[in-house]
Amino acid sequence: MESIWSKTCNRKKKPVLEGHIQADAAVIGGGMAGILTAWQLEQAGVRTVVLEAEQIGGGQTKNTTAKITSQHGLFCRTFIEKKGEEPARKYVQANQAAVEEYKRIIRKECIDCDLLESAAYVYSVDSEKLKRETEAAQRLGINASFEEQIEIPVSCAGAVCFPEQAQFHPLKFIRALAERLTIYEDTLVTEVEDNLVKTACGSVRAGYIIFTSHFPFINFPGMYFARMHQERSYVIALENAGELNGMYIGEGEDTLSFRQYNKYILLGGQAHRTGENKTGGRYEKLRETAKRMYPESTVAACWSAQDCITSDKIPFIGEYSAERPSWLTATGFQKWGMSSAMVSAILLRDRICGYENPYAEVFAPSRFSVEEFPGLVKEGGKAVKGLTKRFFYIPDKTIAGLERGHGAVVDTPQGKAGVYKTEEGEVCQVDVVCPHMGCELSWNPDECSWDCPCHGSRFNYKGELLDGPAQEGVWHE
């Protein structure tokens, strides 16, 4: 399963870090947030290196729908009610400034990345809710409008429109920036001690350590594992589906996302918490939806993405912990990774350069509010459930009873194990305990992967690491 971005963009390999080097700042993670942060720091005269475990853009960046927008669902009215009008205005302004910064960089640097200015819409069956959201967005300074008619073939009462947003090809964009940065690929960070970053073949000593590795992998201090969960969503690229102006997303549960890229319409949806996809069929449901909406269409590509969701739905951008003032982080982008990545780059640059940023407090990881408490309780409950399942759940399947092409937690003479049986009958066995914090893994039939329901780590059917915060695989010895 390869995204349309991966299919249409080749990237040059970068060297592996060997030996010891020094820098002003070391960025851990070469996705959009990491590359943009390094770019902004270098432009400000801060010597920066990027350390990427595999290939730049090879994590969530290659799987995004690549909408650059301050339109983050029907959030304006809710944000005002929970946080107040001034914090809500700052959140919107920070993200709109991020949209404009993308445009500025792309034009100034003449980057060929299929940039297209486009309106962003969020649709709903509730017209009153849409009108209230439009009014709230206007109060926050957005030139929003309520539109009764939209182009996509869904049943709705209309949509809220944010004009002058954008879409692009994310891998072409970071490929261009990467040519002017110091980047080391295939360089997995194994340990961070104070201002020293260690890898298998080298190390970096830097004044600032910046964690942009999607999910912070150091549990203490920070405790980000207790303040976020991860969700997966699925996308198919459709040929012969016609043309579409604008970017669209629905309001509420089980919603759909639409955008055009060249001759393709990207249709997304079927979101679920990572580790909770027992029945599968997510891609098939999207295909059925596509056939109903676009009968002549065919599927050219399909892929999935994973997003960190904070308890109060605001990213964590800033100081990793009060105990580590020289450590910074950017995470919890809640499915709006493109604008959040640029917001992160600007805030982290300003923090390191000593510039005052009016938006910093809204995103500060040190914040805590009453709205966050129910989320913390829920995340704690999920972790307890995952640990309890590990110790007390007895599987009813055996290797012999497992069908070909299926995976499950099974009972073996040595105890519980995760087993996938290929169509040819080969048995692939893994340790079913997540190495991050010990929760029991669940089988994801849509992607032939073992997923952690507690904190979102993922492993392929052979036990190789796909997504953190885990830092190692679950191979069976």
Protein backbone atom coordinates (compact mmCIF):
# COMPACT_ATOMS: atom_id res chain seq x y z
CA MET A 1 0.00 0.00 0.00
CA GLU A 2 1.74 3.09 -1.29
CA SER A 3 0.38 6.63 -1.22
CA ILE A 4 -0.06 8.69 -4.35
CA TRP A 5 2.72 10.96 -3.04
CA SER A 6 5.20 8.08 -2.79
CA LYS A 7 4.21 6.86 -6.24
CA THR A 8 4.91 10.25 -7.82
CA CYS A 9 8.09 11.47 -6.09
CA ASN A 10 11.59 10.03 -5.78
CA ARG A 11 13.93 11.30 -3.05
CA LYS A 12 17.70 11.11 -2.96
CA LYS A 13 19.17 9.13 -0.10
CA LYS A 14 21.03 11.02 2.59
CA PRO A 15 24.10 9.66 4.42
CA VAL A 16 24.12 7.79 7.72
CA LEU A 17 25.56 9.66 10.71
CA GLU A 18 29.01 8.31 11.57
CA GLY A 19 31.17 9.67 14.37
CA HIS A 20 30.56 12.58 16.69
CA ILE A 21 29.42 16.03 15.53
CA GLN A 22 28.24 19.26 17.15
CA ALA A 23 25.42 21.63 16.21
CA ASP A 24 23.34 24.41 17.67
CA ALA A 25 20.20 22.27 17.36
CA ALA A 26 19.47 18.61 16.64
CA VAL A 27 16.07 17.67 15.22
CA ILE A 28 14.93 14.07 15.82
CA GLY A 29 12.53 13.10 13.04
CA GLY A 30 12.57 14.03 9.35
CA GLY A 31 8.89 14.43 8.61
CA MET A 32 7.23 17.70 7.64
CA ALA A 33 7.57 19.18 11.16
CA GLY A 34 11.23 18.24 11.44
CA ILE A 35 12.23 19.49 8.00
CA LEU A 36 10.34 22.76 8.42
CA THR A 37 11.82 23.33 11.87
CA ALA A 38 15.33 22.76 10.54
CA TRP A 39 14.61 25.08 7.60
CA GLN A 40 13.34 27.90 9.81
CA LEU A 41 16.29 27.55 12.18
CA GLU A 42 18.85 27.54 9.37
CA GLN A 43 17.22 30.63 7.86
CA ALA A 44 17.67 32.28 11.27
CA GLY A 45 21.36 31.34 11.40
CA VAL A 46 21.04 28.38 13.79
CA ARG A 47 23.27 25.43 12.74
CA THR A 48 20.88 22.47 12.68
CA VAL A 49 21.08 18.76 11.87
CA VAL A 50 18.16 16.39 11.23
CA LEU A 51 18.33 12.75 12.35
CA GLU A 52 15.85 10.45 10.60
CA ALA A 53 15.45 6.74 11.45
CA GLU A 54 14.58 5.80 7.86
CA GLN A 55 13.91 8.23 4.98
CA ILE A 56 12.74 11.83 5.23
CA GLY A 57 8.99 12.08 4.73
CA GLY A 58 8.76 8.32 5.14
CA GLY A 59 6.46 8.36 8.18
CA GLN A 60 3.16 10.18 8.36
CA THR A 61 4.15 12.88 5.85
CA LYS A 62 3.94 10.48 2.93
CA ASN A 63 0.45 9.43 4.06
CA THR A 64 -1.18 12.82 4.59
CA THR A 65 -3.98 14.18 2.40
CA ALA A 66 -1.79 17.33 2.24
CA LYS A 67 -4.38 19.99 2.96
CA ILE A 68 -2.76 23.22 4.12
CA THR A 69 -5.58 24.85 6.05
CA SER A 70 -6.61 26.67 9.19
CA GLN A 71 -10.01 25.02 8.77
CA HIS A 72 -9.87 22.20 11.35
CA GLY A 73 -13.45 20.96 11.32
CA LEU A 74 -16.26 22.67 13.23
CA PHE A 75 -13.93 23.85 15.97
CA CYS A 76 -14.27 27.64 16.28
CA ARG A 77 -17.44 27.80 18.36
CA THR A 78 -16.35 24.92 20.61
CA PHE A 79 -12.90 26.45 21.09
CA ILE A 80 -14.41 29.79 22.14
CA GLU A 81 -16.74 28.08 24.62
CA LYS A 82 -14.02 25.97 26.23
CA LYS A 83 -10.94 28.21 26.05
CA GLY A 84 -12.23 31.72 25.51
CA GLU A 85 -12.25 34.00 22.49
CA GLU A 86 -8.68 35.28 22.76
CA PRO A 87 -6.98 31.82 22.86
CA ALA A 88 -9.28 30.70 20.02
CA ARG A 89 -8.30 33.74 17.95
CA LYS A 90 -4.62 33.03 18.53
CA TYR A 91 -5.04 29.39 17.50
CA VAL A 92 -6.73 30.39 14.25
CA GLN A 93 -4.26 33.18 13.53
CA ALA A 94 -1.29 30.87 14.11
CA ASN A 95 -2.65 28.33 11.64
CA GLN A 96 -3.62 30.94 9.05
CA ALA A 97 -0.13 32.42 9.34
CA ALA A 98 1.18 28.88 8.68
CA VAL A 99 -0.86 28.68 5.46
CA GLU A 100 0.60 31.98 4.27
CA GLU A 101 4.13 30.92 5.24
CA TYR A 102 3.87 27.84 3.01
CA LYS A 103 2.84 30.04 0.12
CA ARG A 104 5.66 32.47 0.81
CA ILE A 105 8.37 29.80 0.96
CA ILE A 106 7.13 27.99 -2.14
CA ARG A 107 7.03 31.17 -4.18
CA LYS A 108 10.26 32.67 -2.88
CA GLU A 109 12.23 29.44 -3.39
CA CYS A 110 10.45 28.56 -6.66
CA ILE A 111 9.53 25.09 -5.40
CA ASP A 112 7.66 22.90 -7.87
CA CYS A 113 5.27 21.03 -5.56
CA ASP A 114 1.88 21.39 -7.27
CA LEU A 115 0.74 24.18 -4.96
CA LEU A 116 -2.89 25.13 -5.57
CA GLU A 117 -4.79 27.77 -3.64
CA SER A 118 -8.15 26.35 -2.71
CA ALA A 119 -11.09 26.89 -0.38
CA ALA A 120 -11.62 24.48 2.53
CA TYR A 121 -15.12 23.33 3.46
CA VAL A 122 -16.59 21.42 6.39
CA TYR A 123 -20.07 20.05 5.67
CA SER A 124 -22.87 18.91 7.97
CA VAL A 125 -26.53 17.90 7.96
CA ASP A 126 -27.19 20.58 10.61
CA SER A 127 -27.59 23.99 8.98
CA GLU A 128 -27.93 25.85 12.29
CA LYS A 129 -24.67 24.39 13.53
CA LEU A 130 -22.98 25.51 10.31
CA LYS A 131 -24.35 29.04 10.63
CA ARG A 132 -23.21 29.31 14.26
CA GLU A 133 -19.76 28.06 13.25
CA THR A 134 -19.57 30.59 10.44
CA GLU A 135 -20.36 33.41 12.87
CA ALA A 136 -17.76 32.12 15.34
CA ALA A 137 -15.09 31.92 12.63
CA GLN A 138 -15.86 35.47 11.54
CA ARG A 139 -15.48 36.66 15.15
CA LEU A 140 -12.00 35.11 15.13
CA GLY A 141 -10.98 37.02 12.00
CA ILE A 142 -11.59 34.42 9.27
CA ASN A 143 -13.42 35.51 6.14
CA ALA A 144 -15.70 32.50 6.47
CA SER A 145 -19.04 32.00 4.73
CA PHE A 146 -21.96 29.59 4.89
CA GLU A 147 -22.53 27.82 1.57
CA GLU A 148 -25.80 25.98 0.93
CA GLN A 149 -24.56 24.22 -2.22
CA ILE A 150 -21.31 22.25 -2.47
CA GLU A 151 -19.82 20.04 -5.19
CA ILE A 152 -19.36 16.70 -3.48
CA PRO A 153 -22.06 13.98 -3.77
CA VAL A 154 -23.10 13.81 -0.10
CA SER A 155 -26.35 14.56 1.65
CA CYS A 156 -25.87 17.70 3.75
CA ALA A 157 -27.35 21.08 4.64
CA GLY A 158 -24.35 22.96 3.32
CA ALA A 159 -20.86 23.81 4.53
CA VAL A 160 -18.69 26.41 6.22
CA CYS A 161 -16.13 27.76 3.73
CA PHE A 162 -12.67 29.09 4.57
CA PRO A 163 -11.26 30.82 1.45
CA GLU A 164 -7.62 31.14 0.36
CA GLN A 165 -6.34 27.89 1.83
CA ALA A 166 -4.03 25.55 -0.15
CA GLN A 167 -3.04 22.03 -1.15
CA PHE A 168 0.22 20.61 -2.49
CA HIS A 169 2.48 17.59 -2.98
CA PRO A 170 4.18 17.15 0.43
CA LEU A 171 7.11 15.00 -0.68
CA LYS A 172 8.06 17.29 -3.56
CA PHE A 173 8.03 20.17 -1.09
CA ILE A 174 10.30 18.61 1.55
CA ARG A 175 12.57 17.17 -1.17
CA ALA A 176 13.30 20.74 -2.27
CA LEU A 177 13.95 21.98 1.28
CA ALA A 178 16.10 18.95 2.11
CA GLU A 179 18.61 19.85 -0.57
CA ARG A 180 19.68 22.81 1.58
CA LEU A 181 19.75 21.08 4.99
CA THR A 182 22.11 18.77 6.88
CA ILE A 183 20.22 15.50 7.15
CA TYR A 184 21.24 12.01 8.21
CA GLU A 185 18.98 9.12 7.21
CA ASP A 186 18.87 5.52 8.44
CA THR A 187 20.04 7.04 11.72
CA LEU A 188 17.83 5.81 14.54
CA VAL A 189 18.20 7.73 17.78
CA THR A 190 18.63 5.23 20.60
CA GLU A 191 19.17 7.50 23.58
CA VAL A 192 19.18 11.15 24.63
CA GLU A 193 21.20 12.27 27.64
CA ASP A 194 20.99 15.95 28.50
CA ASN A 195 22.31 17.60 25.30
CA LEU A 196 23.81 14.46 23.74
CA VAL A 197 21.87 12.48 21.12
CA LYS A 198 23.12 8.92 20.60
CA THR A 199 22.69 6.69 17.56
CA ALA A 200 24.14 3.31 16.61
CA CYS A 201 27.07 4.77 14.69
CA GLY A 202 27.48 8.29 16.00
CA SER A 203 26.25 11.09 18.23
CA VAL A 204 25.35 14.76 18.18
CA ARG A 205 25.92 17.28 20.92
CA ALA A 206 23.64 20.28 20.53
CA GLY A 207 22.41 23.23 22.52
CA TYR A 208 18.81 22.27 21.77
CA ILE A 209 17.25 18.84 21.18
CA ILE A 210 13.98 18.94 19.23
CA PHE A 211 11.65 15.91 19.18
CA THR A 212 9.54 15.90 16.01
CA SER A 213 9.30 12.11 15.75
CA HIS A 214 5.48 12.08 15.58
CA PHE A 215 5.08 10.67 19.12
CA PRO A 216 7.73 11.53 21.77
CA PHE A 217 9.50 8.26 22.60
CA ILE A 218 10.98 9.31 25.95
CA ASN A 219 8.27 8.75 28.55
CA PHE A 220 9.72 10.66 31.48
CA PRO A 221 9.70 13.58 31.88
CA GLY A 222 6.75 14.83 29.85
CA MET A 223 4.41 11.84 30.19
CA TYR A 224 3.05 12.35 26.68
CA PHE A 225 1.92 8.72 26.63
CA ALA A 226 -0.75 9.66 29.20
CA ARG A 227 -1.88 12.81 27.37
CA MET A 228 -2.45 11.52 23.83
CA HIS A 229 -3.77 8.58 21.87
CA GLN A 230 -3.36 7.67 18.20
CA GLU A 231 -5.95 7.18 15.48
CA ARG A 232 -5.77 5.67 12.02
CA SER A 233 -7.66 6.75 8.90
CA TYR A 234 -7.72 5.45 5.34
CA VAL A 235 -7.49 7.00 1.87
CA ILE A 236 -8.07 5.84 -1.69
CA ALA A 237 -7.06 7.74 -4.84
CA LEU A 238 -9.74 7.57 -7.54
CA GLU A 239 -9.25 7.88 -11.29
CA ASN A 240 -12.16 8.77 -13.62
CA ALA A 241 -14.05 10.46 -10.78
CA GLY A 242 -14.29 13.85 -12.44
CA GLU A 243 -12.94 17.13 -11.12
CA LEU A 244 -13.43 18.79 -7.78
CA ASN A 245 -12.87 22.36 -6.66
CA GLY A 246 -12.02 22.80 -3.02
CA MET A 247 -11.14 20.56 -0.08
CA TYR A 248 -13.91 18.99 2.00
CA ILE A 249 -14.38 17.18 5.28
CA GLY A 250 -17.52 16.17 7.11
CA GLU A 251 -18.60 16.97 10.65
CA GLY A 252 -19.25 14.23 13.19
CA GLU A 253 -18.49 10.51 13.39
CA ASP A 254 -17.72 8.29 10.38
CA THR A 255 -17.14 11.29 8.14
CA LEU A 256 -15.51 11.53 4.71
CA SER A 257 -12.72 13.70 3.31
CA PHE A 258 -12.34 14.85 -0.32
CA ARG A 259 -9.71 16.70 -2.34
CA GLN A 260 -8.40 16.72 -5.90
CA TYR A 261 -4.82 15.98 -6.90
CA ASN A 262 -4.18 16.18 -10.66
CA LYS A 263 -6.43 13.52 -12.20
CA TYR A 264 -7.27 11.90 -8.87
CA ILE A 265 -9.89 12.53 -6.22
CA LEU A 266 -8.61 11.49 -2.80
CA LEU A 267 -11.39 9.99 -0.71
CA GLY A 268 -10.64 9.44 2.98
CA GLY A 269 -12.42 8.18 6.05
CA GLN A 270 -13.06 5.09 8.22
CA ALA A 271 -11.10 6.49 11.18
CA HIS A 272 -10.64 4.46 14.36
CA ARG A 273 -8.42 4.42 17.41
CA THR A 274 -5.19 2.55 16.71
CA GLY A 275 -5.46 -1.03 17.93
CA GLU A 276 -9.24 -1.14 17.61
CA ASN A 277 -9.88 -2.55 14.14
CA LYS A 278 -10.80 -6.15 14.84
CA THR A 279 -13.30 -6.65 12.02
CA GLY A 280 -11.37 -4.82 9.28
CA GLY A 281 -12.91 -3.95 5.93
CA ARG A 282 -11.96 -0.26 6.04
CA TYR A 283 -10.64 -0.08 2.49
CA GLU A 284 -13.52 -2.13 1.18
CA LYS A 285 -16.03 0.28 2.73
CA LEU A 286 -14.26 3.22 1.09
CA ARG A 287 -14.33 1.38 -2.25
CA GLU A 288 -18.06 0.75 -1.85
CA THR A 289 -18.61 4.43 -1.08
CA ALA A 290 -16.55 5.43 -4.13
CA LYS A 291 -18.57 3.14 -6.42
CA ARG A 292 -21.79 4.65 -5.13
CA MET A 293 -20.60 8.26 -5.51
CA TYR A 294 -18.41 7.87 -8.61
CA PRO A 295 -19.65 4.77 -10.51
CA GLU A 296 -17.07 5.07 -13.30
CA SER A 297 -14.09 5.49 -11.00
CA THR A 298 -11.23 3.06 -10.38
CA VAL A 299 -8.84 2.89 -7.43
CA ALA A 300 -5.28 3.90 -8.34
CA ALA A 301 -3.78 3.78 -4.82
CA CYS A 302 -4.77 3.17 -1.23
CA TRP A 303 -2.99 3.94 2.03
CA SER A 304 -3.51 4.92 5.65
CA ALA A 305 -2.24 7.52 8.09
CA GLN A 306 -1.81 7.75 11.84
CA ASP A 307 -2.39 10.84 13.97
CA CYS A 308 -1.70 11.79 17.58
CA ILE A 309 -4.73 13.26 19.36
CA THR A 310 -4.25 15.30 22.52
CA SER A 311 -6.81 15.32 25.31
CA ASP A 312 -7.86 18.92 24.62
CA LYS A 313 -7.44 18.73 20.82
CA ILE A 314 -4.59 21.28 20.71
CA PRO A 315 -1.04 20.26 19.64
CA PHE A 316 1.83 20.22 22.12
CA ILE A 317 4.48 22.61 20.76
CA GLY A 318 7.26 23.98 22.95
CA GLU A 319 9.31 22.92 25.95
CA TYR A 320 9.39 19.14 26.39
CA SER A 321 9.32 19.50 30.17
CA ALA A 322 10.26 22.08 32.79
CA GLU A 323 12.97 19.62 33.85
CA ARG A 324 14.55 19.77 30.37
CA PRO A 325 14.48 23.41 29.18
CA SER A 326 16.82 22.64 26.26
CA TRP A 327 14.50 19.89 24.97
CA LEU A 328 11.62 20.96 22.72
CA THR A 329 8.83 18.99 21.06
CA ALA A 330 6.06 19.19 18.46
CA THR A 331 3.35 16.53 18.53
CA GLY A 332 -0.40 15.92 18.76
CA PHE A 333 -1.34 17.40 15.39
CA GLN A 334 -4.86 15.84 15.53
CA LYS A 335 -5.15 15.15 11.77
CA TRP A 336 -4.10 18.64 10.69
CA GLY A 337 -0.41 17.92 10.28
CA MET A 338 0.47 20.32 7.49
CA SER A 339 -0.57 23.58 9.14
CA SER A 340 0.48 22.27 12.58
CA ALA A 341 3.95 21.40 11.24
CA MET A 342 4.50 24.98 10.09
CA VAL A 343 3.10 26.41 13.32
CA SER A 344 5.59 24.16 15.14
CA ALA A 345 8.52 25.31 13.02
CA ILE A 346 7.77 28.98 13.65
CA LEU A 347 7.14 28.57 17.39
CA LEU A 348 10.27 26.44 17.94
CA ARG A 349 12.42 28.81 15.91
CA ASP A 350 11.20 31.75 17.95
CA ARG A 351 11.76 29.88 21.21
CA ILE A 352 15.37 29.06 20.32
CA CYS A 353 16.14 32.50 18.87
CA GLY A 354 14.61 34.33 21.82
CA TYR A 355 11.81 35.96 19.84
CA GLU A 356 8.51 36.61 21.59
CA ASN A 357 5.67 34.77 19.86
CA PRO A 358 2.09 35.76 20.75
CA TYR A 359 0.78 32.25 20.02
CA ALA A 360 3.23 30.23 22.13
CA GLU A 361 1.08 29.96 25.26
CA VAL A 362 -1.86 28.38 23.43
CA PHE A 363 0.27 25.41 22.30
CA ALA A 364 2.57 25.10 25.35
CA PRO A 365 2.94 21.46 26.48
CA SER A 366 2.99 22.66 30.10
CA ARG A 367 -0.65 23.76 29.89
CA PHE A 368 -3.31 21.94 31.86
CA SER A 369 -7.01 22.62 31.95
CA VAL A 370 -10.23 21.08 33.22
CA GLU A 371 -11.03 20.05 29.64
CA GLU A 372 -7.95 17.83 29.60
CA PHE A 373 -8.85 15.84 32.73
CA PRO A 374 -11.51 13.51 31.18
CA GLY A 375 -9.04 12.68 28.41
CA LEU A 376 -6.35 11.81 30.91
CA VAL A 377 -8.74 9.49 32.74
CA LYS A 378 -9.75 7.84 29.47
CA GLU A 379 -6.14 7.31 28.34
CA GLY A 380 -5.27 5.85 31.73
CA GLY A 381 -8.22 3.48 31.48
CA LYS A 382 -7.13 2.31 28.04
CA ALA A 383 -3.63 1.57 29.35
CA VAL A 384 -5.00 -0.39 32.32
CA LYS A 385 -7.26 -2.37 29.98
CA GLY A 386 -4.32 -3.18 27.68
CA LEU A 387 -2.17 -4.35 30.57
CA THR A 388 -5.02 -6.33 32.12
CA LYS A 389 -5.68 -8.08 28.82
CA ARG A 390 -2.04 -9.09 28.66
CA PHE A 391 -2.16 -10.84 32.01
CA PHE A 392 -5.71 -12.18 32.23
CA TYR A 393 -7.05 -12.71 28.70
CA ILE A 394 -6.75 -16.34 27.56
CA PRO A 395 -7.04 -16.73 23.77
CA ASP A 396 -9.35 -19.39 22.37
CA LYS A 397 -7.39 -19.89 19.15
CA THR A 398 -4.43 -22.13 18.41
CA ILE A 399 -1.94 -22.04 15.54
CA ALA A 400 -3.53 -25.11 14.00
CA GLY A 401 -7.00 -23.53 14.12
CA LEU A 402 -5.91 -20.25 12.53
CA GLU A 403 -7.02 -19.84 8.90
CA ARG A 404 -4.58 -18.89 6.16
CA GLY A 405 -4.43 -15.16 5.51
CA HIS A 406 -5.46 -14.37 9.08
CA GLY A 407 -3.75 -13.17 12.25
CA ALA A 408 -4.68 -13.50 15.92
CA VAL A 409 -3.39 -13.77 19.45
CA VAL A 410 -3.18 -17.53 19.99
CA ASP A 411 -2.34 -19.99 22.73
CA THR A 412 0.95 -21.87 22.30
CA PRO A 413 2.83 -24.29 24.58
CA GLN A 414 5.12 -21.37 25.48
CA GLY A 415 2.21 -19.04 26.25
CA LYS A 416 0.38 -16.33 24.28
CA ALA A 417 1.84 -15.19 20.96
CA GLY A 418 0.80 -13.14 17.97
CA VAL A 419 0.57 -15.29 14.87
CA TYR A 420 -0.11 -14.52 11.22
CA LYS A 421 -0.56 -17.42 8.82
CA THR A 422 0.24 -16.51 5.21
CA GLU A 423 -1.84 -17.70 2.26
CA GLU A 424 0.90 -20.27 1.64
CA GLY A 425 0.59 -21.58 5.19
CA GLU A 426 3.79 -20.06 6.61
CA VAL A 427 3.48 -19.21 10.31
CA CYS A 428 4.88 -15.83 11.40
CA GLN A 429 5.01 -15.54 15.18
CA VAL A 430 5.73 -12.40 17.24
CA ASP A 431 5.85 -11.38 20.86
CA VAL A 432 2.40 -9.97 21.62
CA VAL A 433 3.69 -7.54 24.27
CA CYS A 434 4.40 -3.97 23.10
CA PRO A 435 7.97 -3.03 24.09
CA HIS A 436 6.92 0.57 24.80
CA MET A 437 4.97 0.04 28.03
CA GLY A 438 3.86 -3.58 27.98
CA CYS A 439 0.31 -3.48 26.58
CA GLU A 440 -1.02 -6.42 24.57
CA LEU A 441 -1.06 -5.90 20.80
CA SER A 442 -4.10 -6.34 18.55
CA TRP A 443 -4.24 -7.63 14.98
CA ASN A 444 -5.19 -5.13 12.24
CA PRO A 445 -6.56 -7.23 9.35
CA ASP A 446 -6.65 -4.32 6.87
CA GLU A 447 -2.91 -3.72 7.07
CA CYS A 448 -1.57 -7.06 8.32
CA SER A 449 -0.06 -5.32 11.32
CA TRP A 450 0.12 -5.66 15.08
CA ASP A 451 -1.14 -2.45 16.71
CA CYS A 452 -0.96 -1.25 20.30
CA PRO A 453 -4.36 -0.01 21.59
CA CYS A 454 -2.71 1.90 24.46
CA HIS A 455 -0.28 4.27 22.76
CA GLY A 456 -0.41 3.44 19.05
CA SER A 457 2.87 1.64 18.30
CA ARG A 458 2.62 -0.62 15.25
CA PHE A 459 4.57 -3.59 13.87
CA ASN A 460 4.30 -5.56 10.64
CA TYR A 461 3.34 -9.23 10.66
CA LYS A 462 7.02 -10.18 10.98
CA GLY A 463 7.38 -8.01 14.10
CA GLU A 464 9.32 -5.14 12.51
CA LEU A 465 8.60 -1.66 13.89
CA LEU A 466 6.30 0.52 11.76
CA ASP A 467 5.25 3.36 14.11
CA GLY A 468 6.35 4.60 17.54
CA PRO A 469 6.53 5.44 20.36
CA ALA A 470 8.09 1.96 20.62
CA GLN A 471 11.74 1.98 19.54
CA GLU A 472 12.20 -1.72 18.72
CA GLY A 473 10.34 -4.59 17.09
CA VAL A 474 8.54 -7.59 18.57
CA TRP A 475 10.39 -10.39 16.85
CA HIS A 476 9.82 -13.87 18.22
CA GLU A 477 13.02 -15.46 19.51
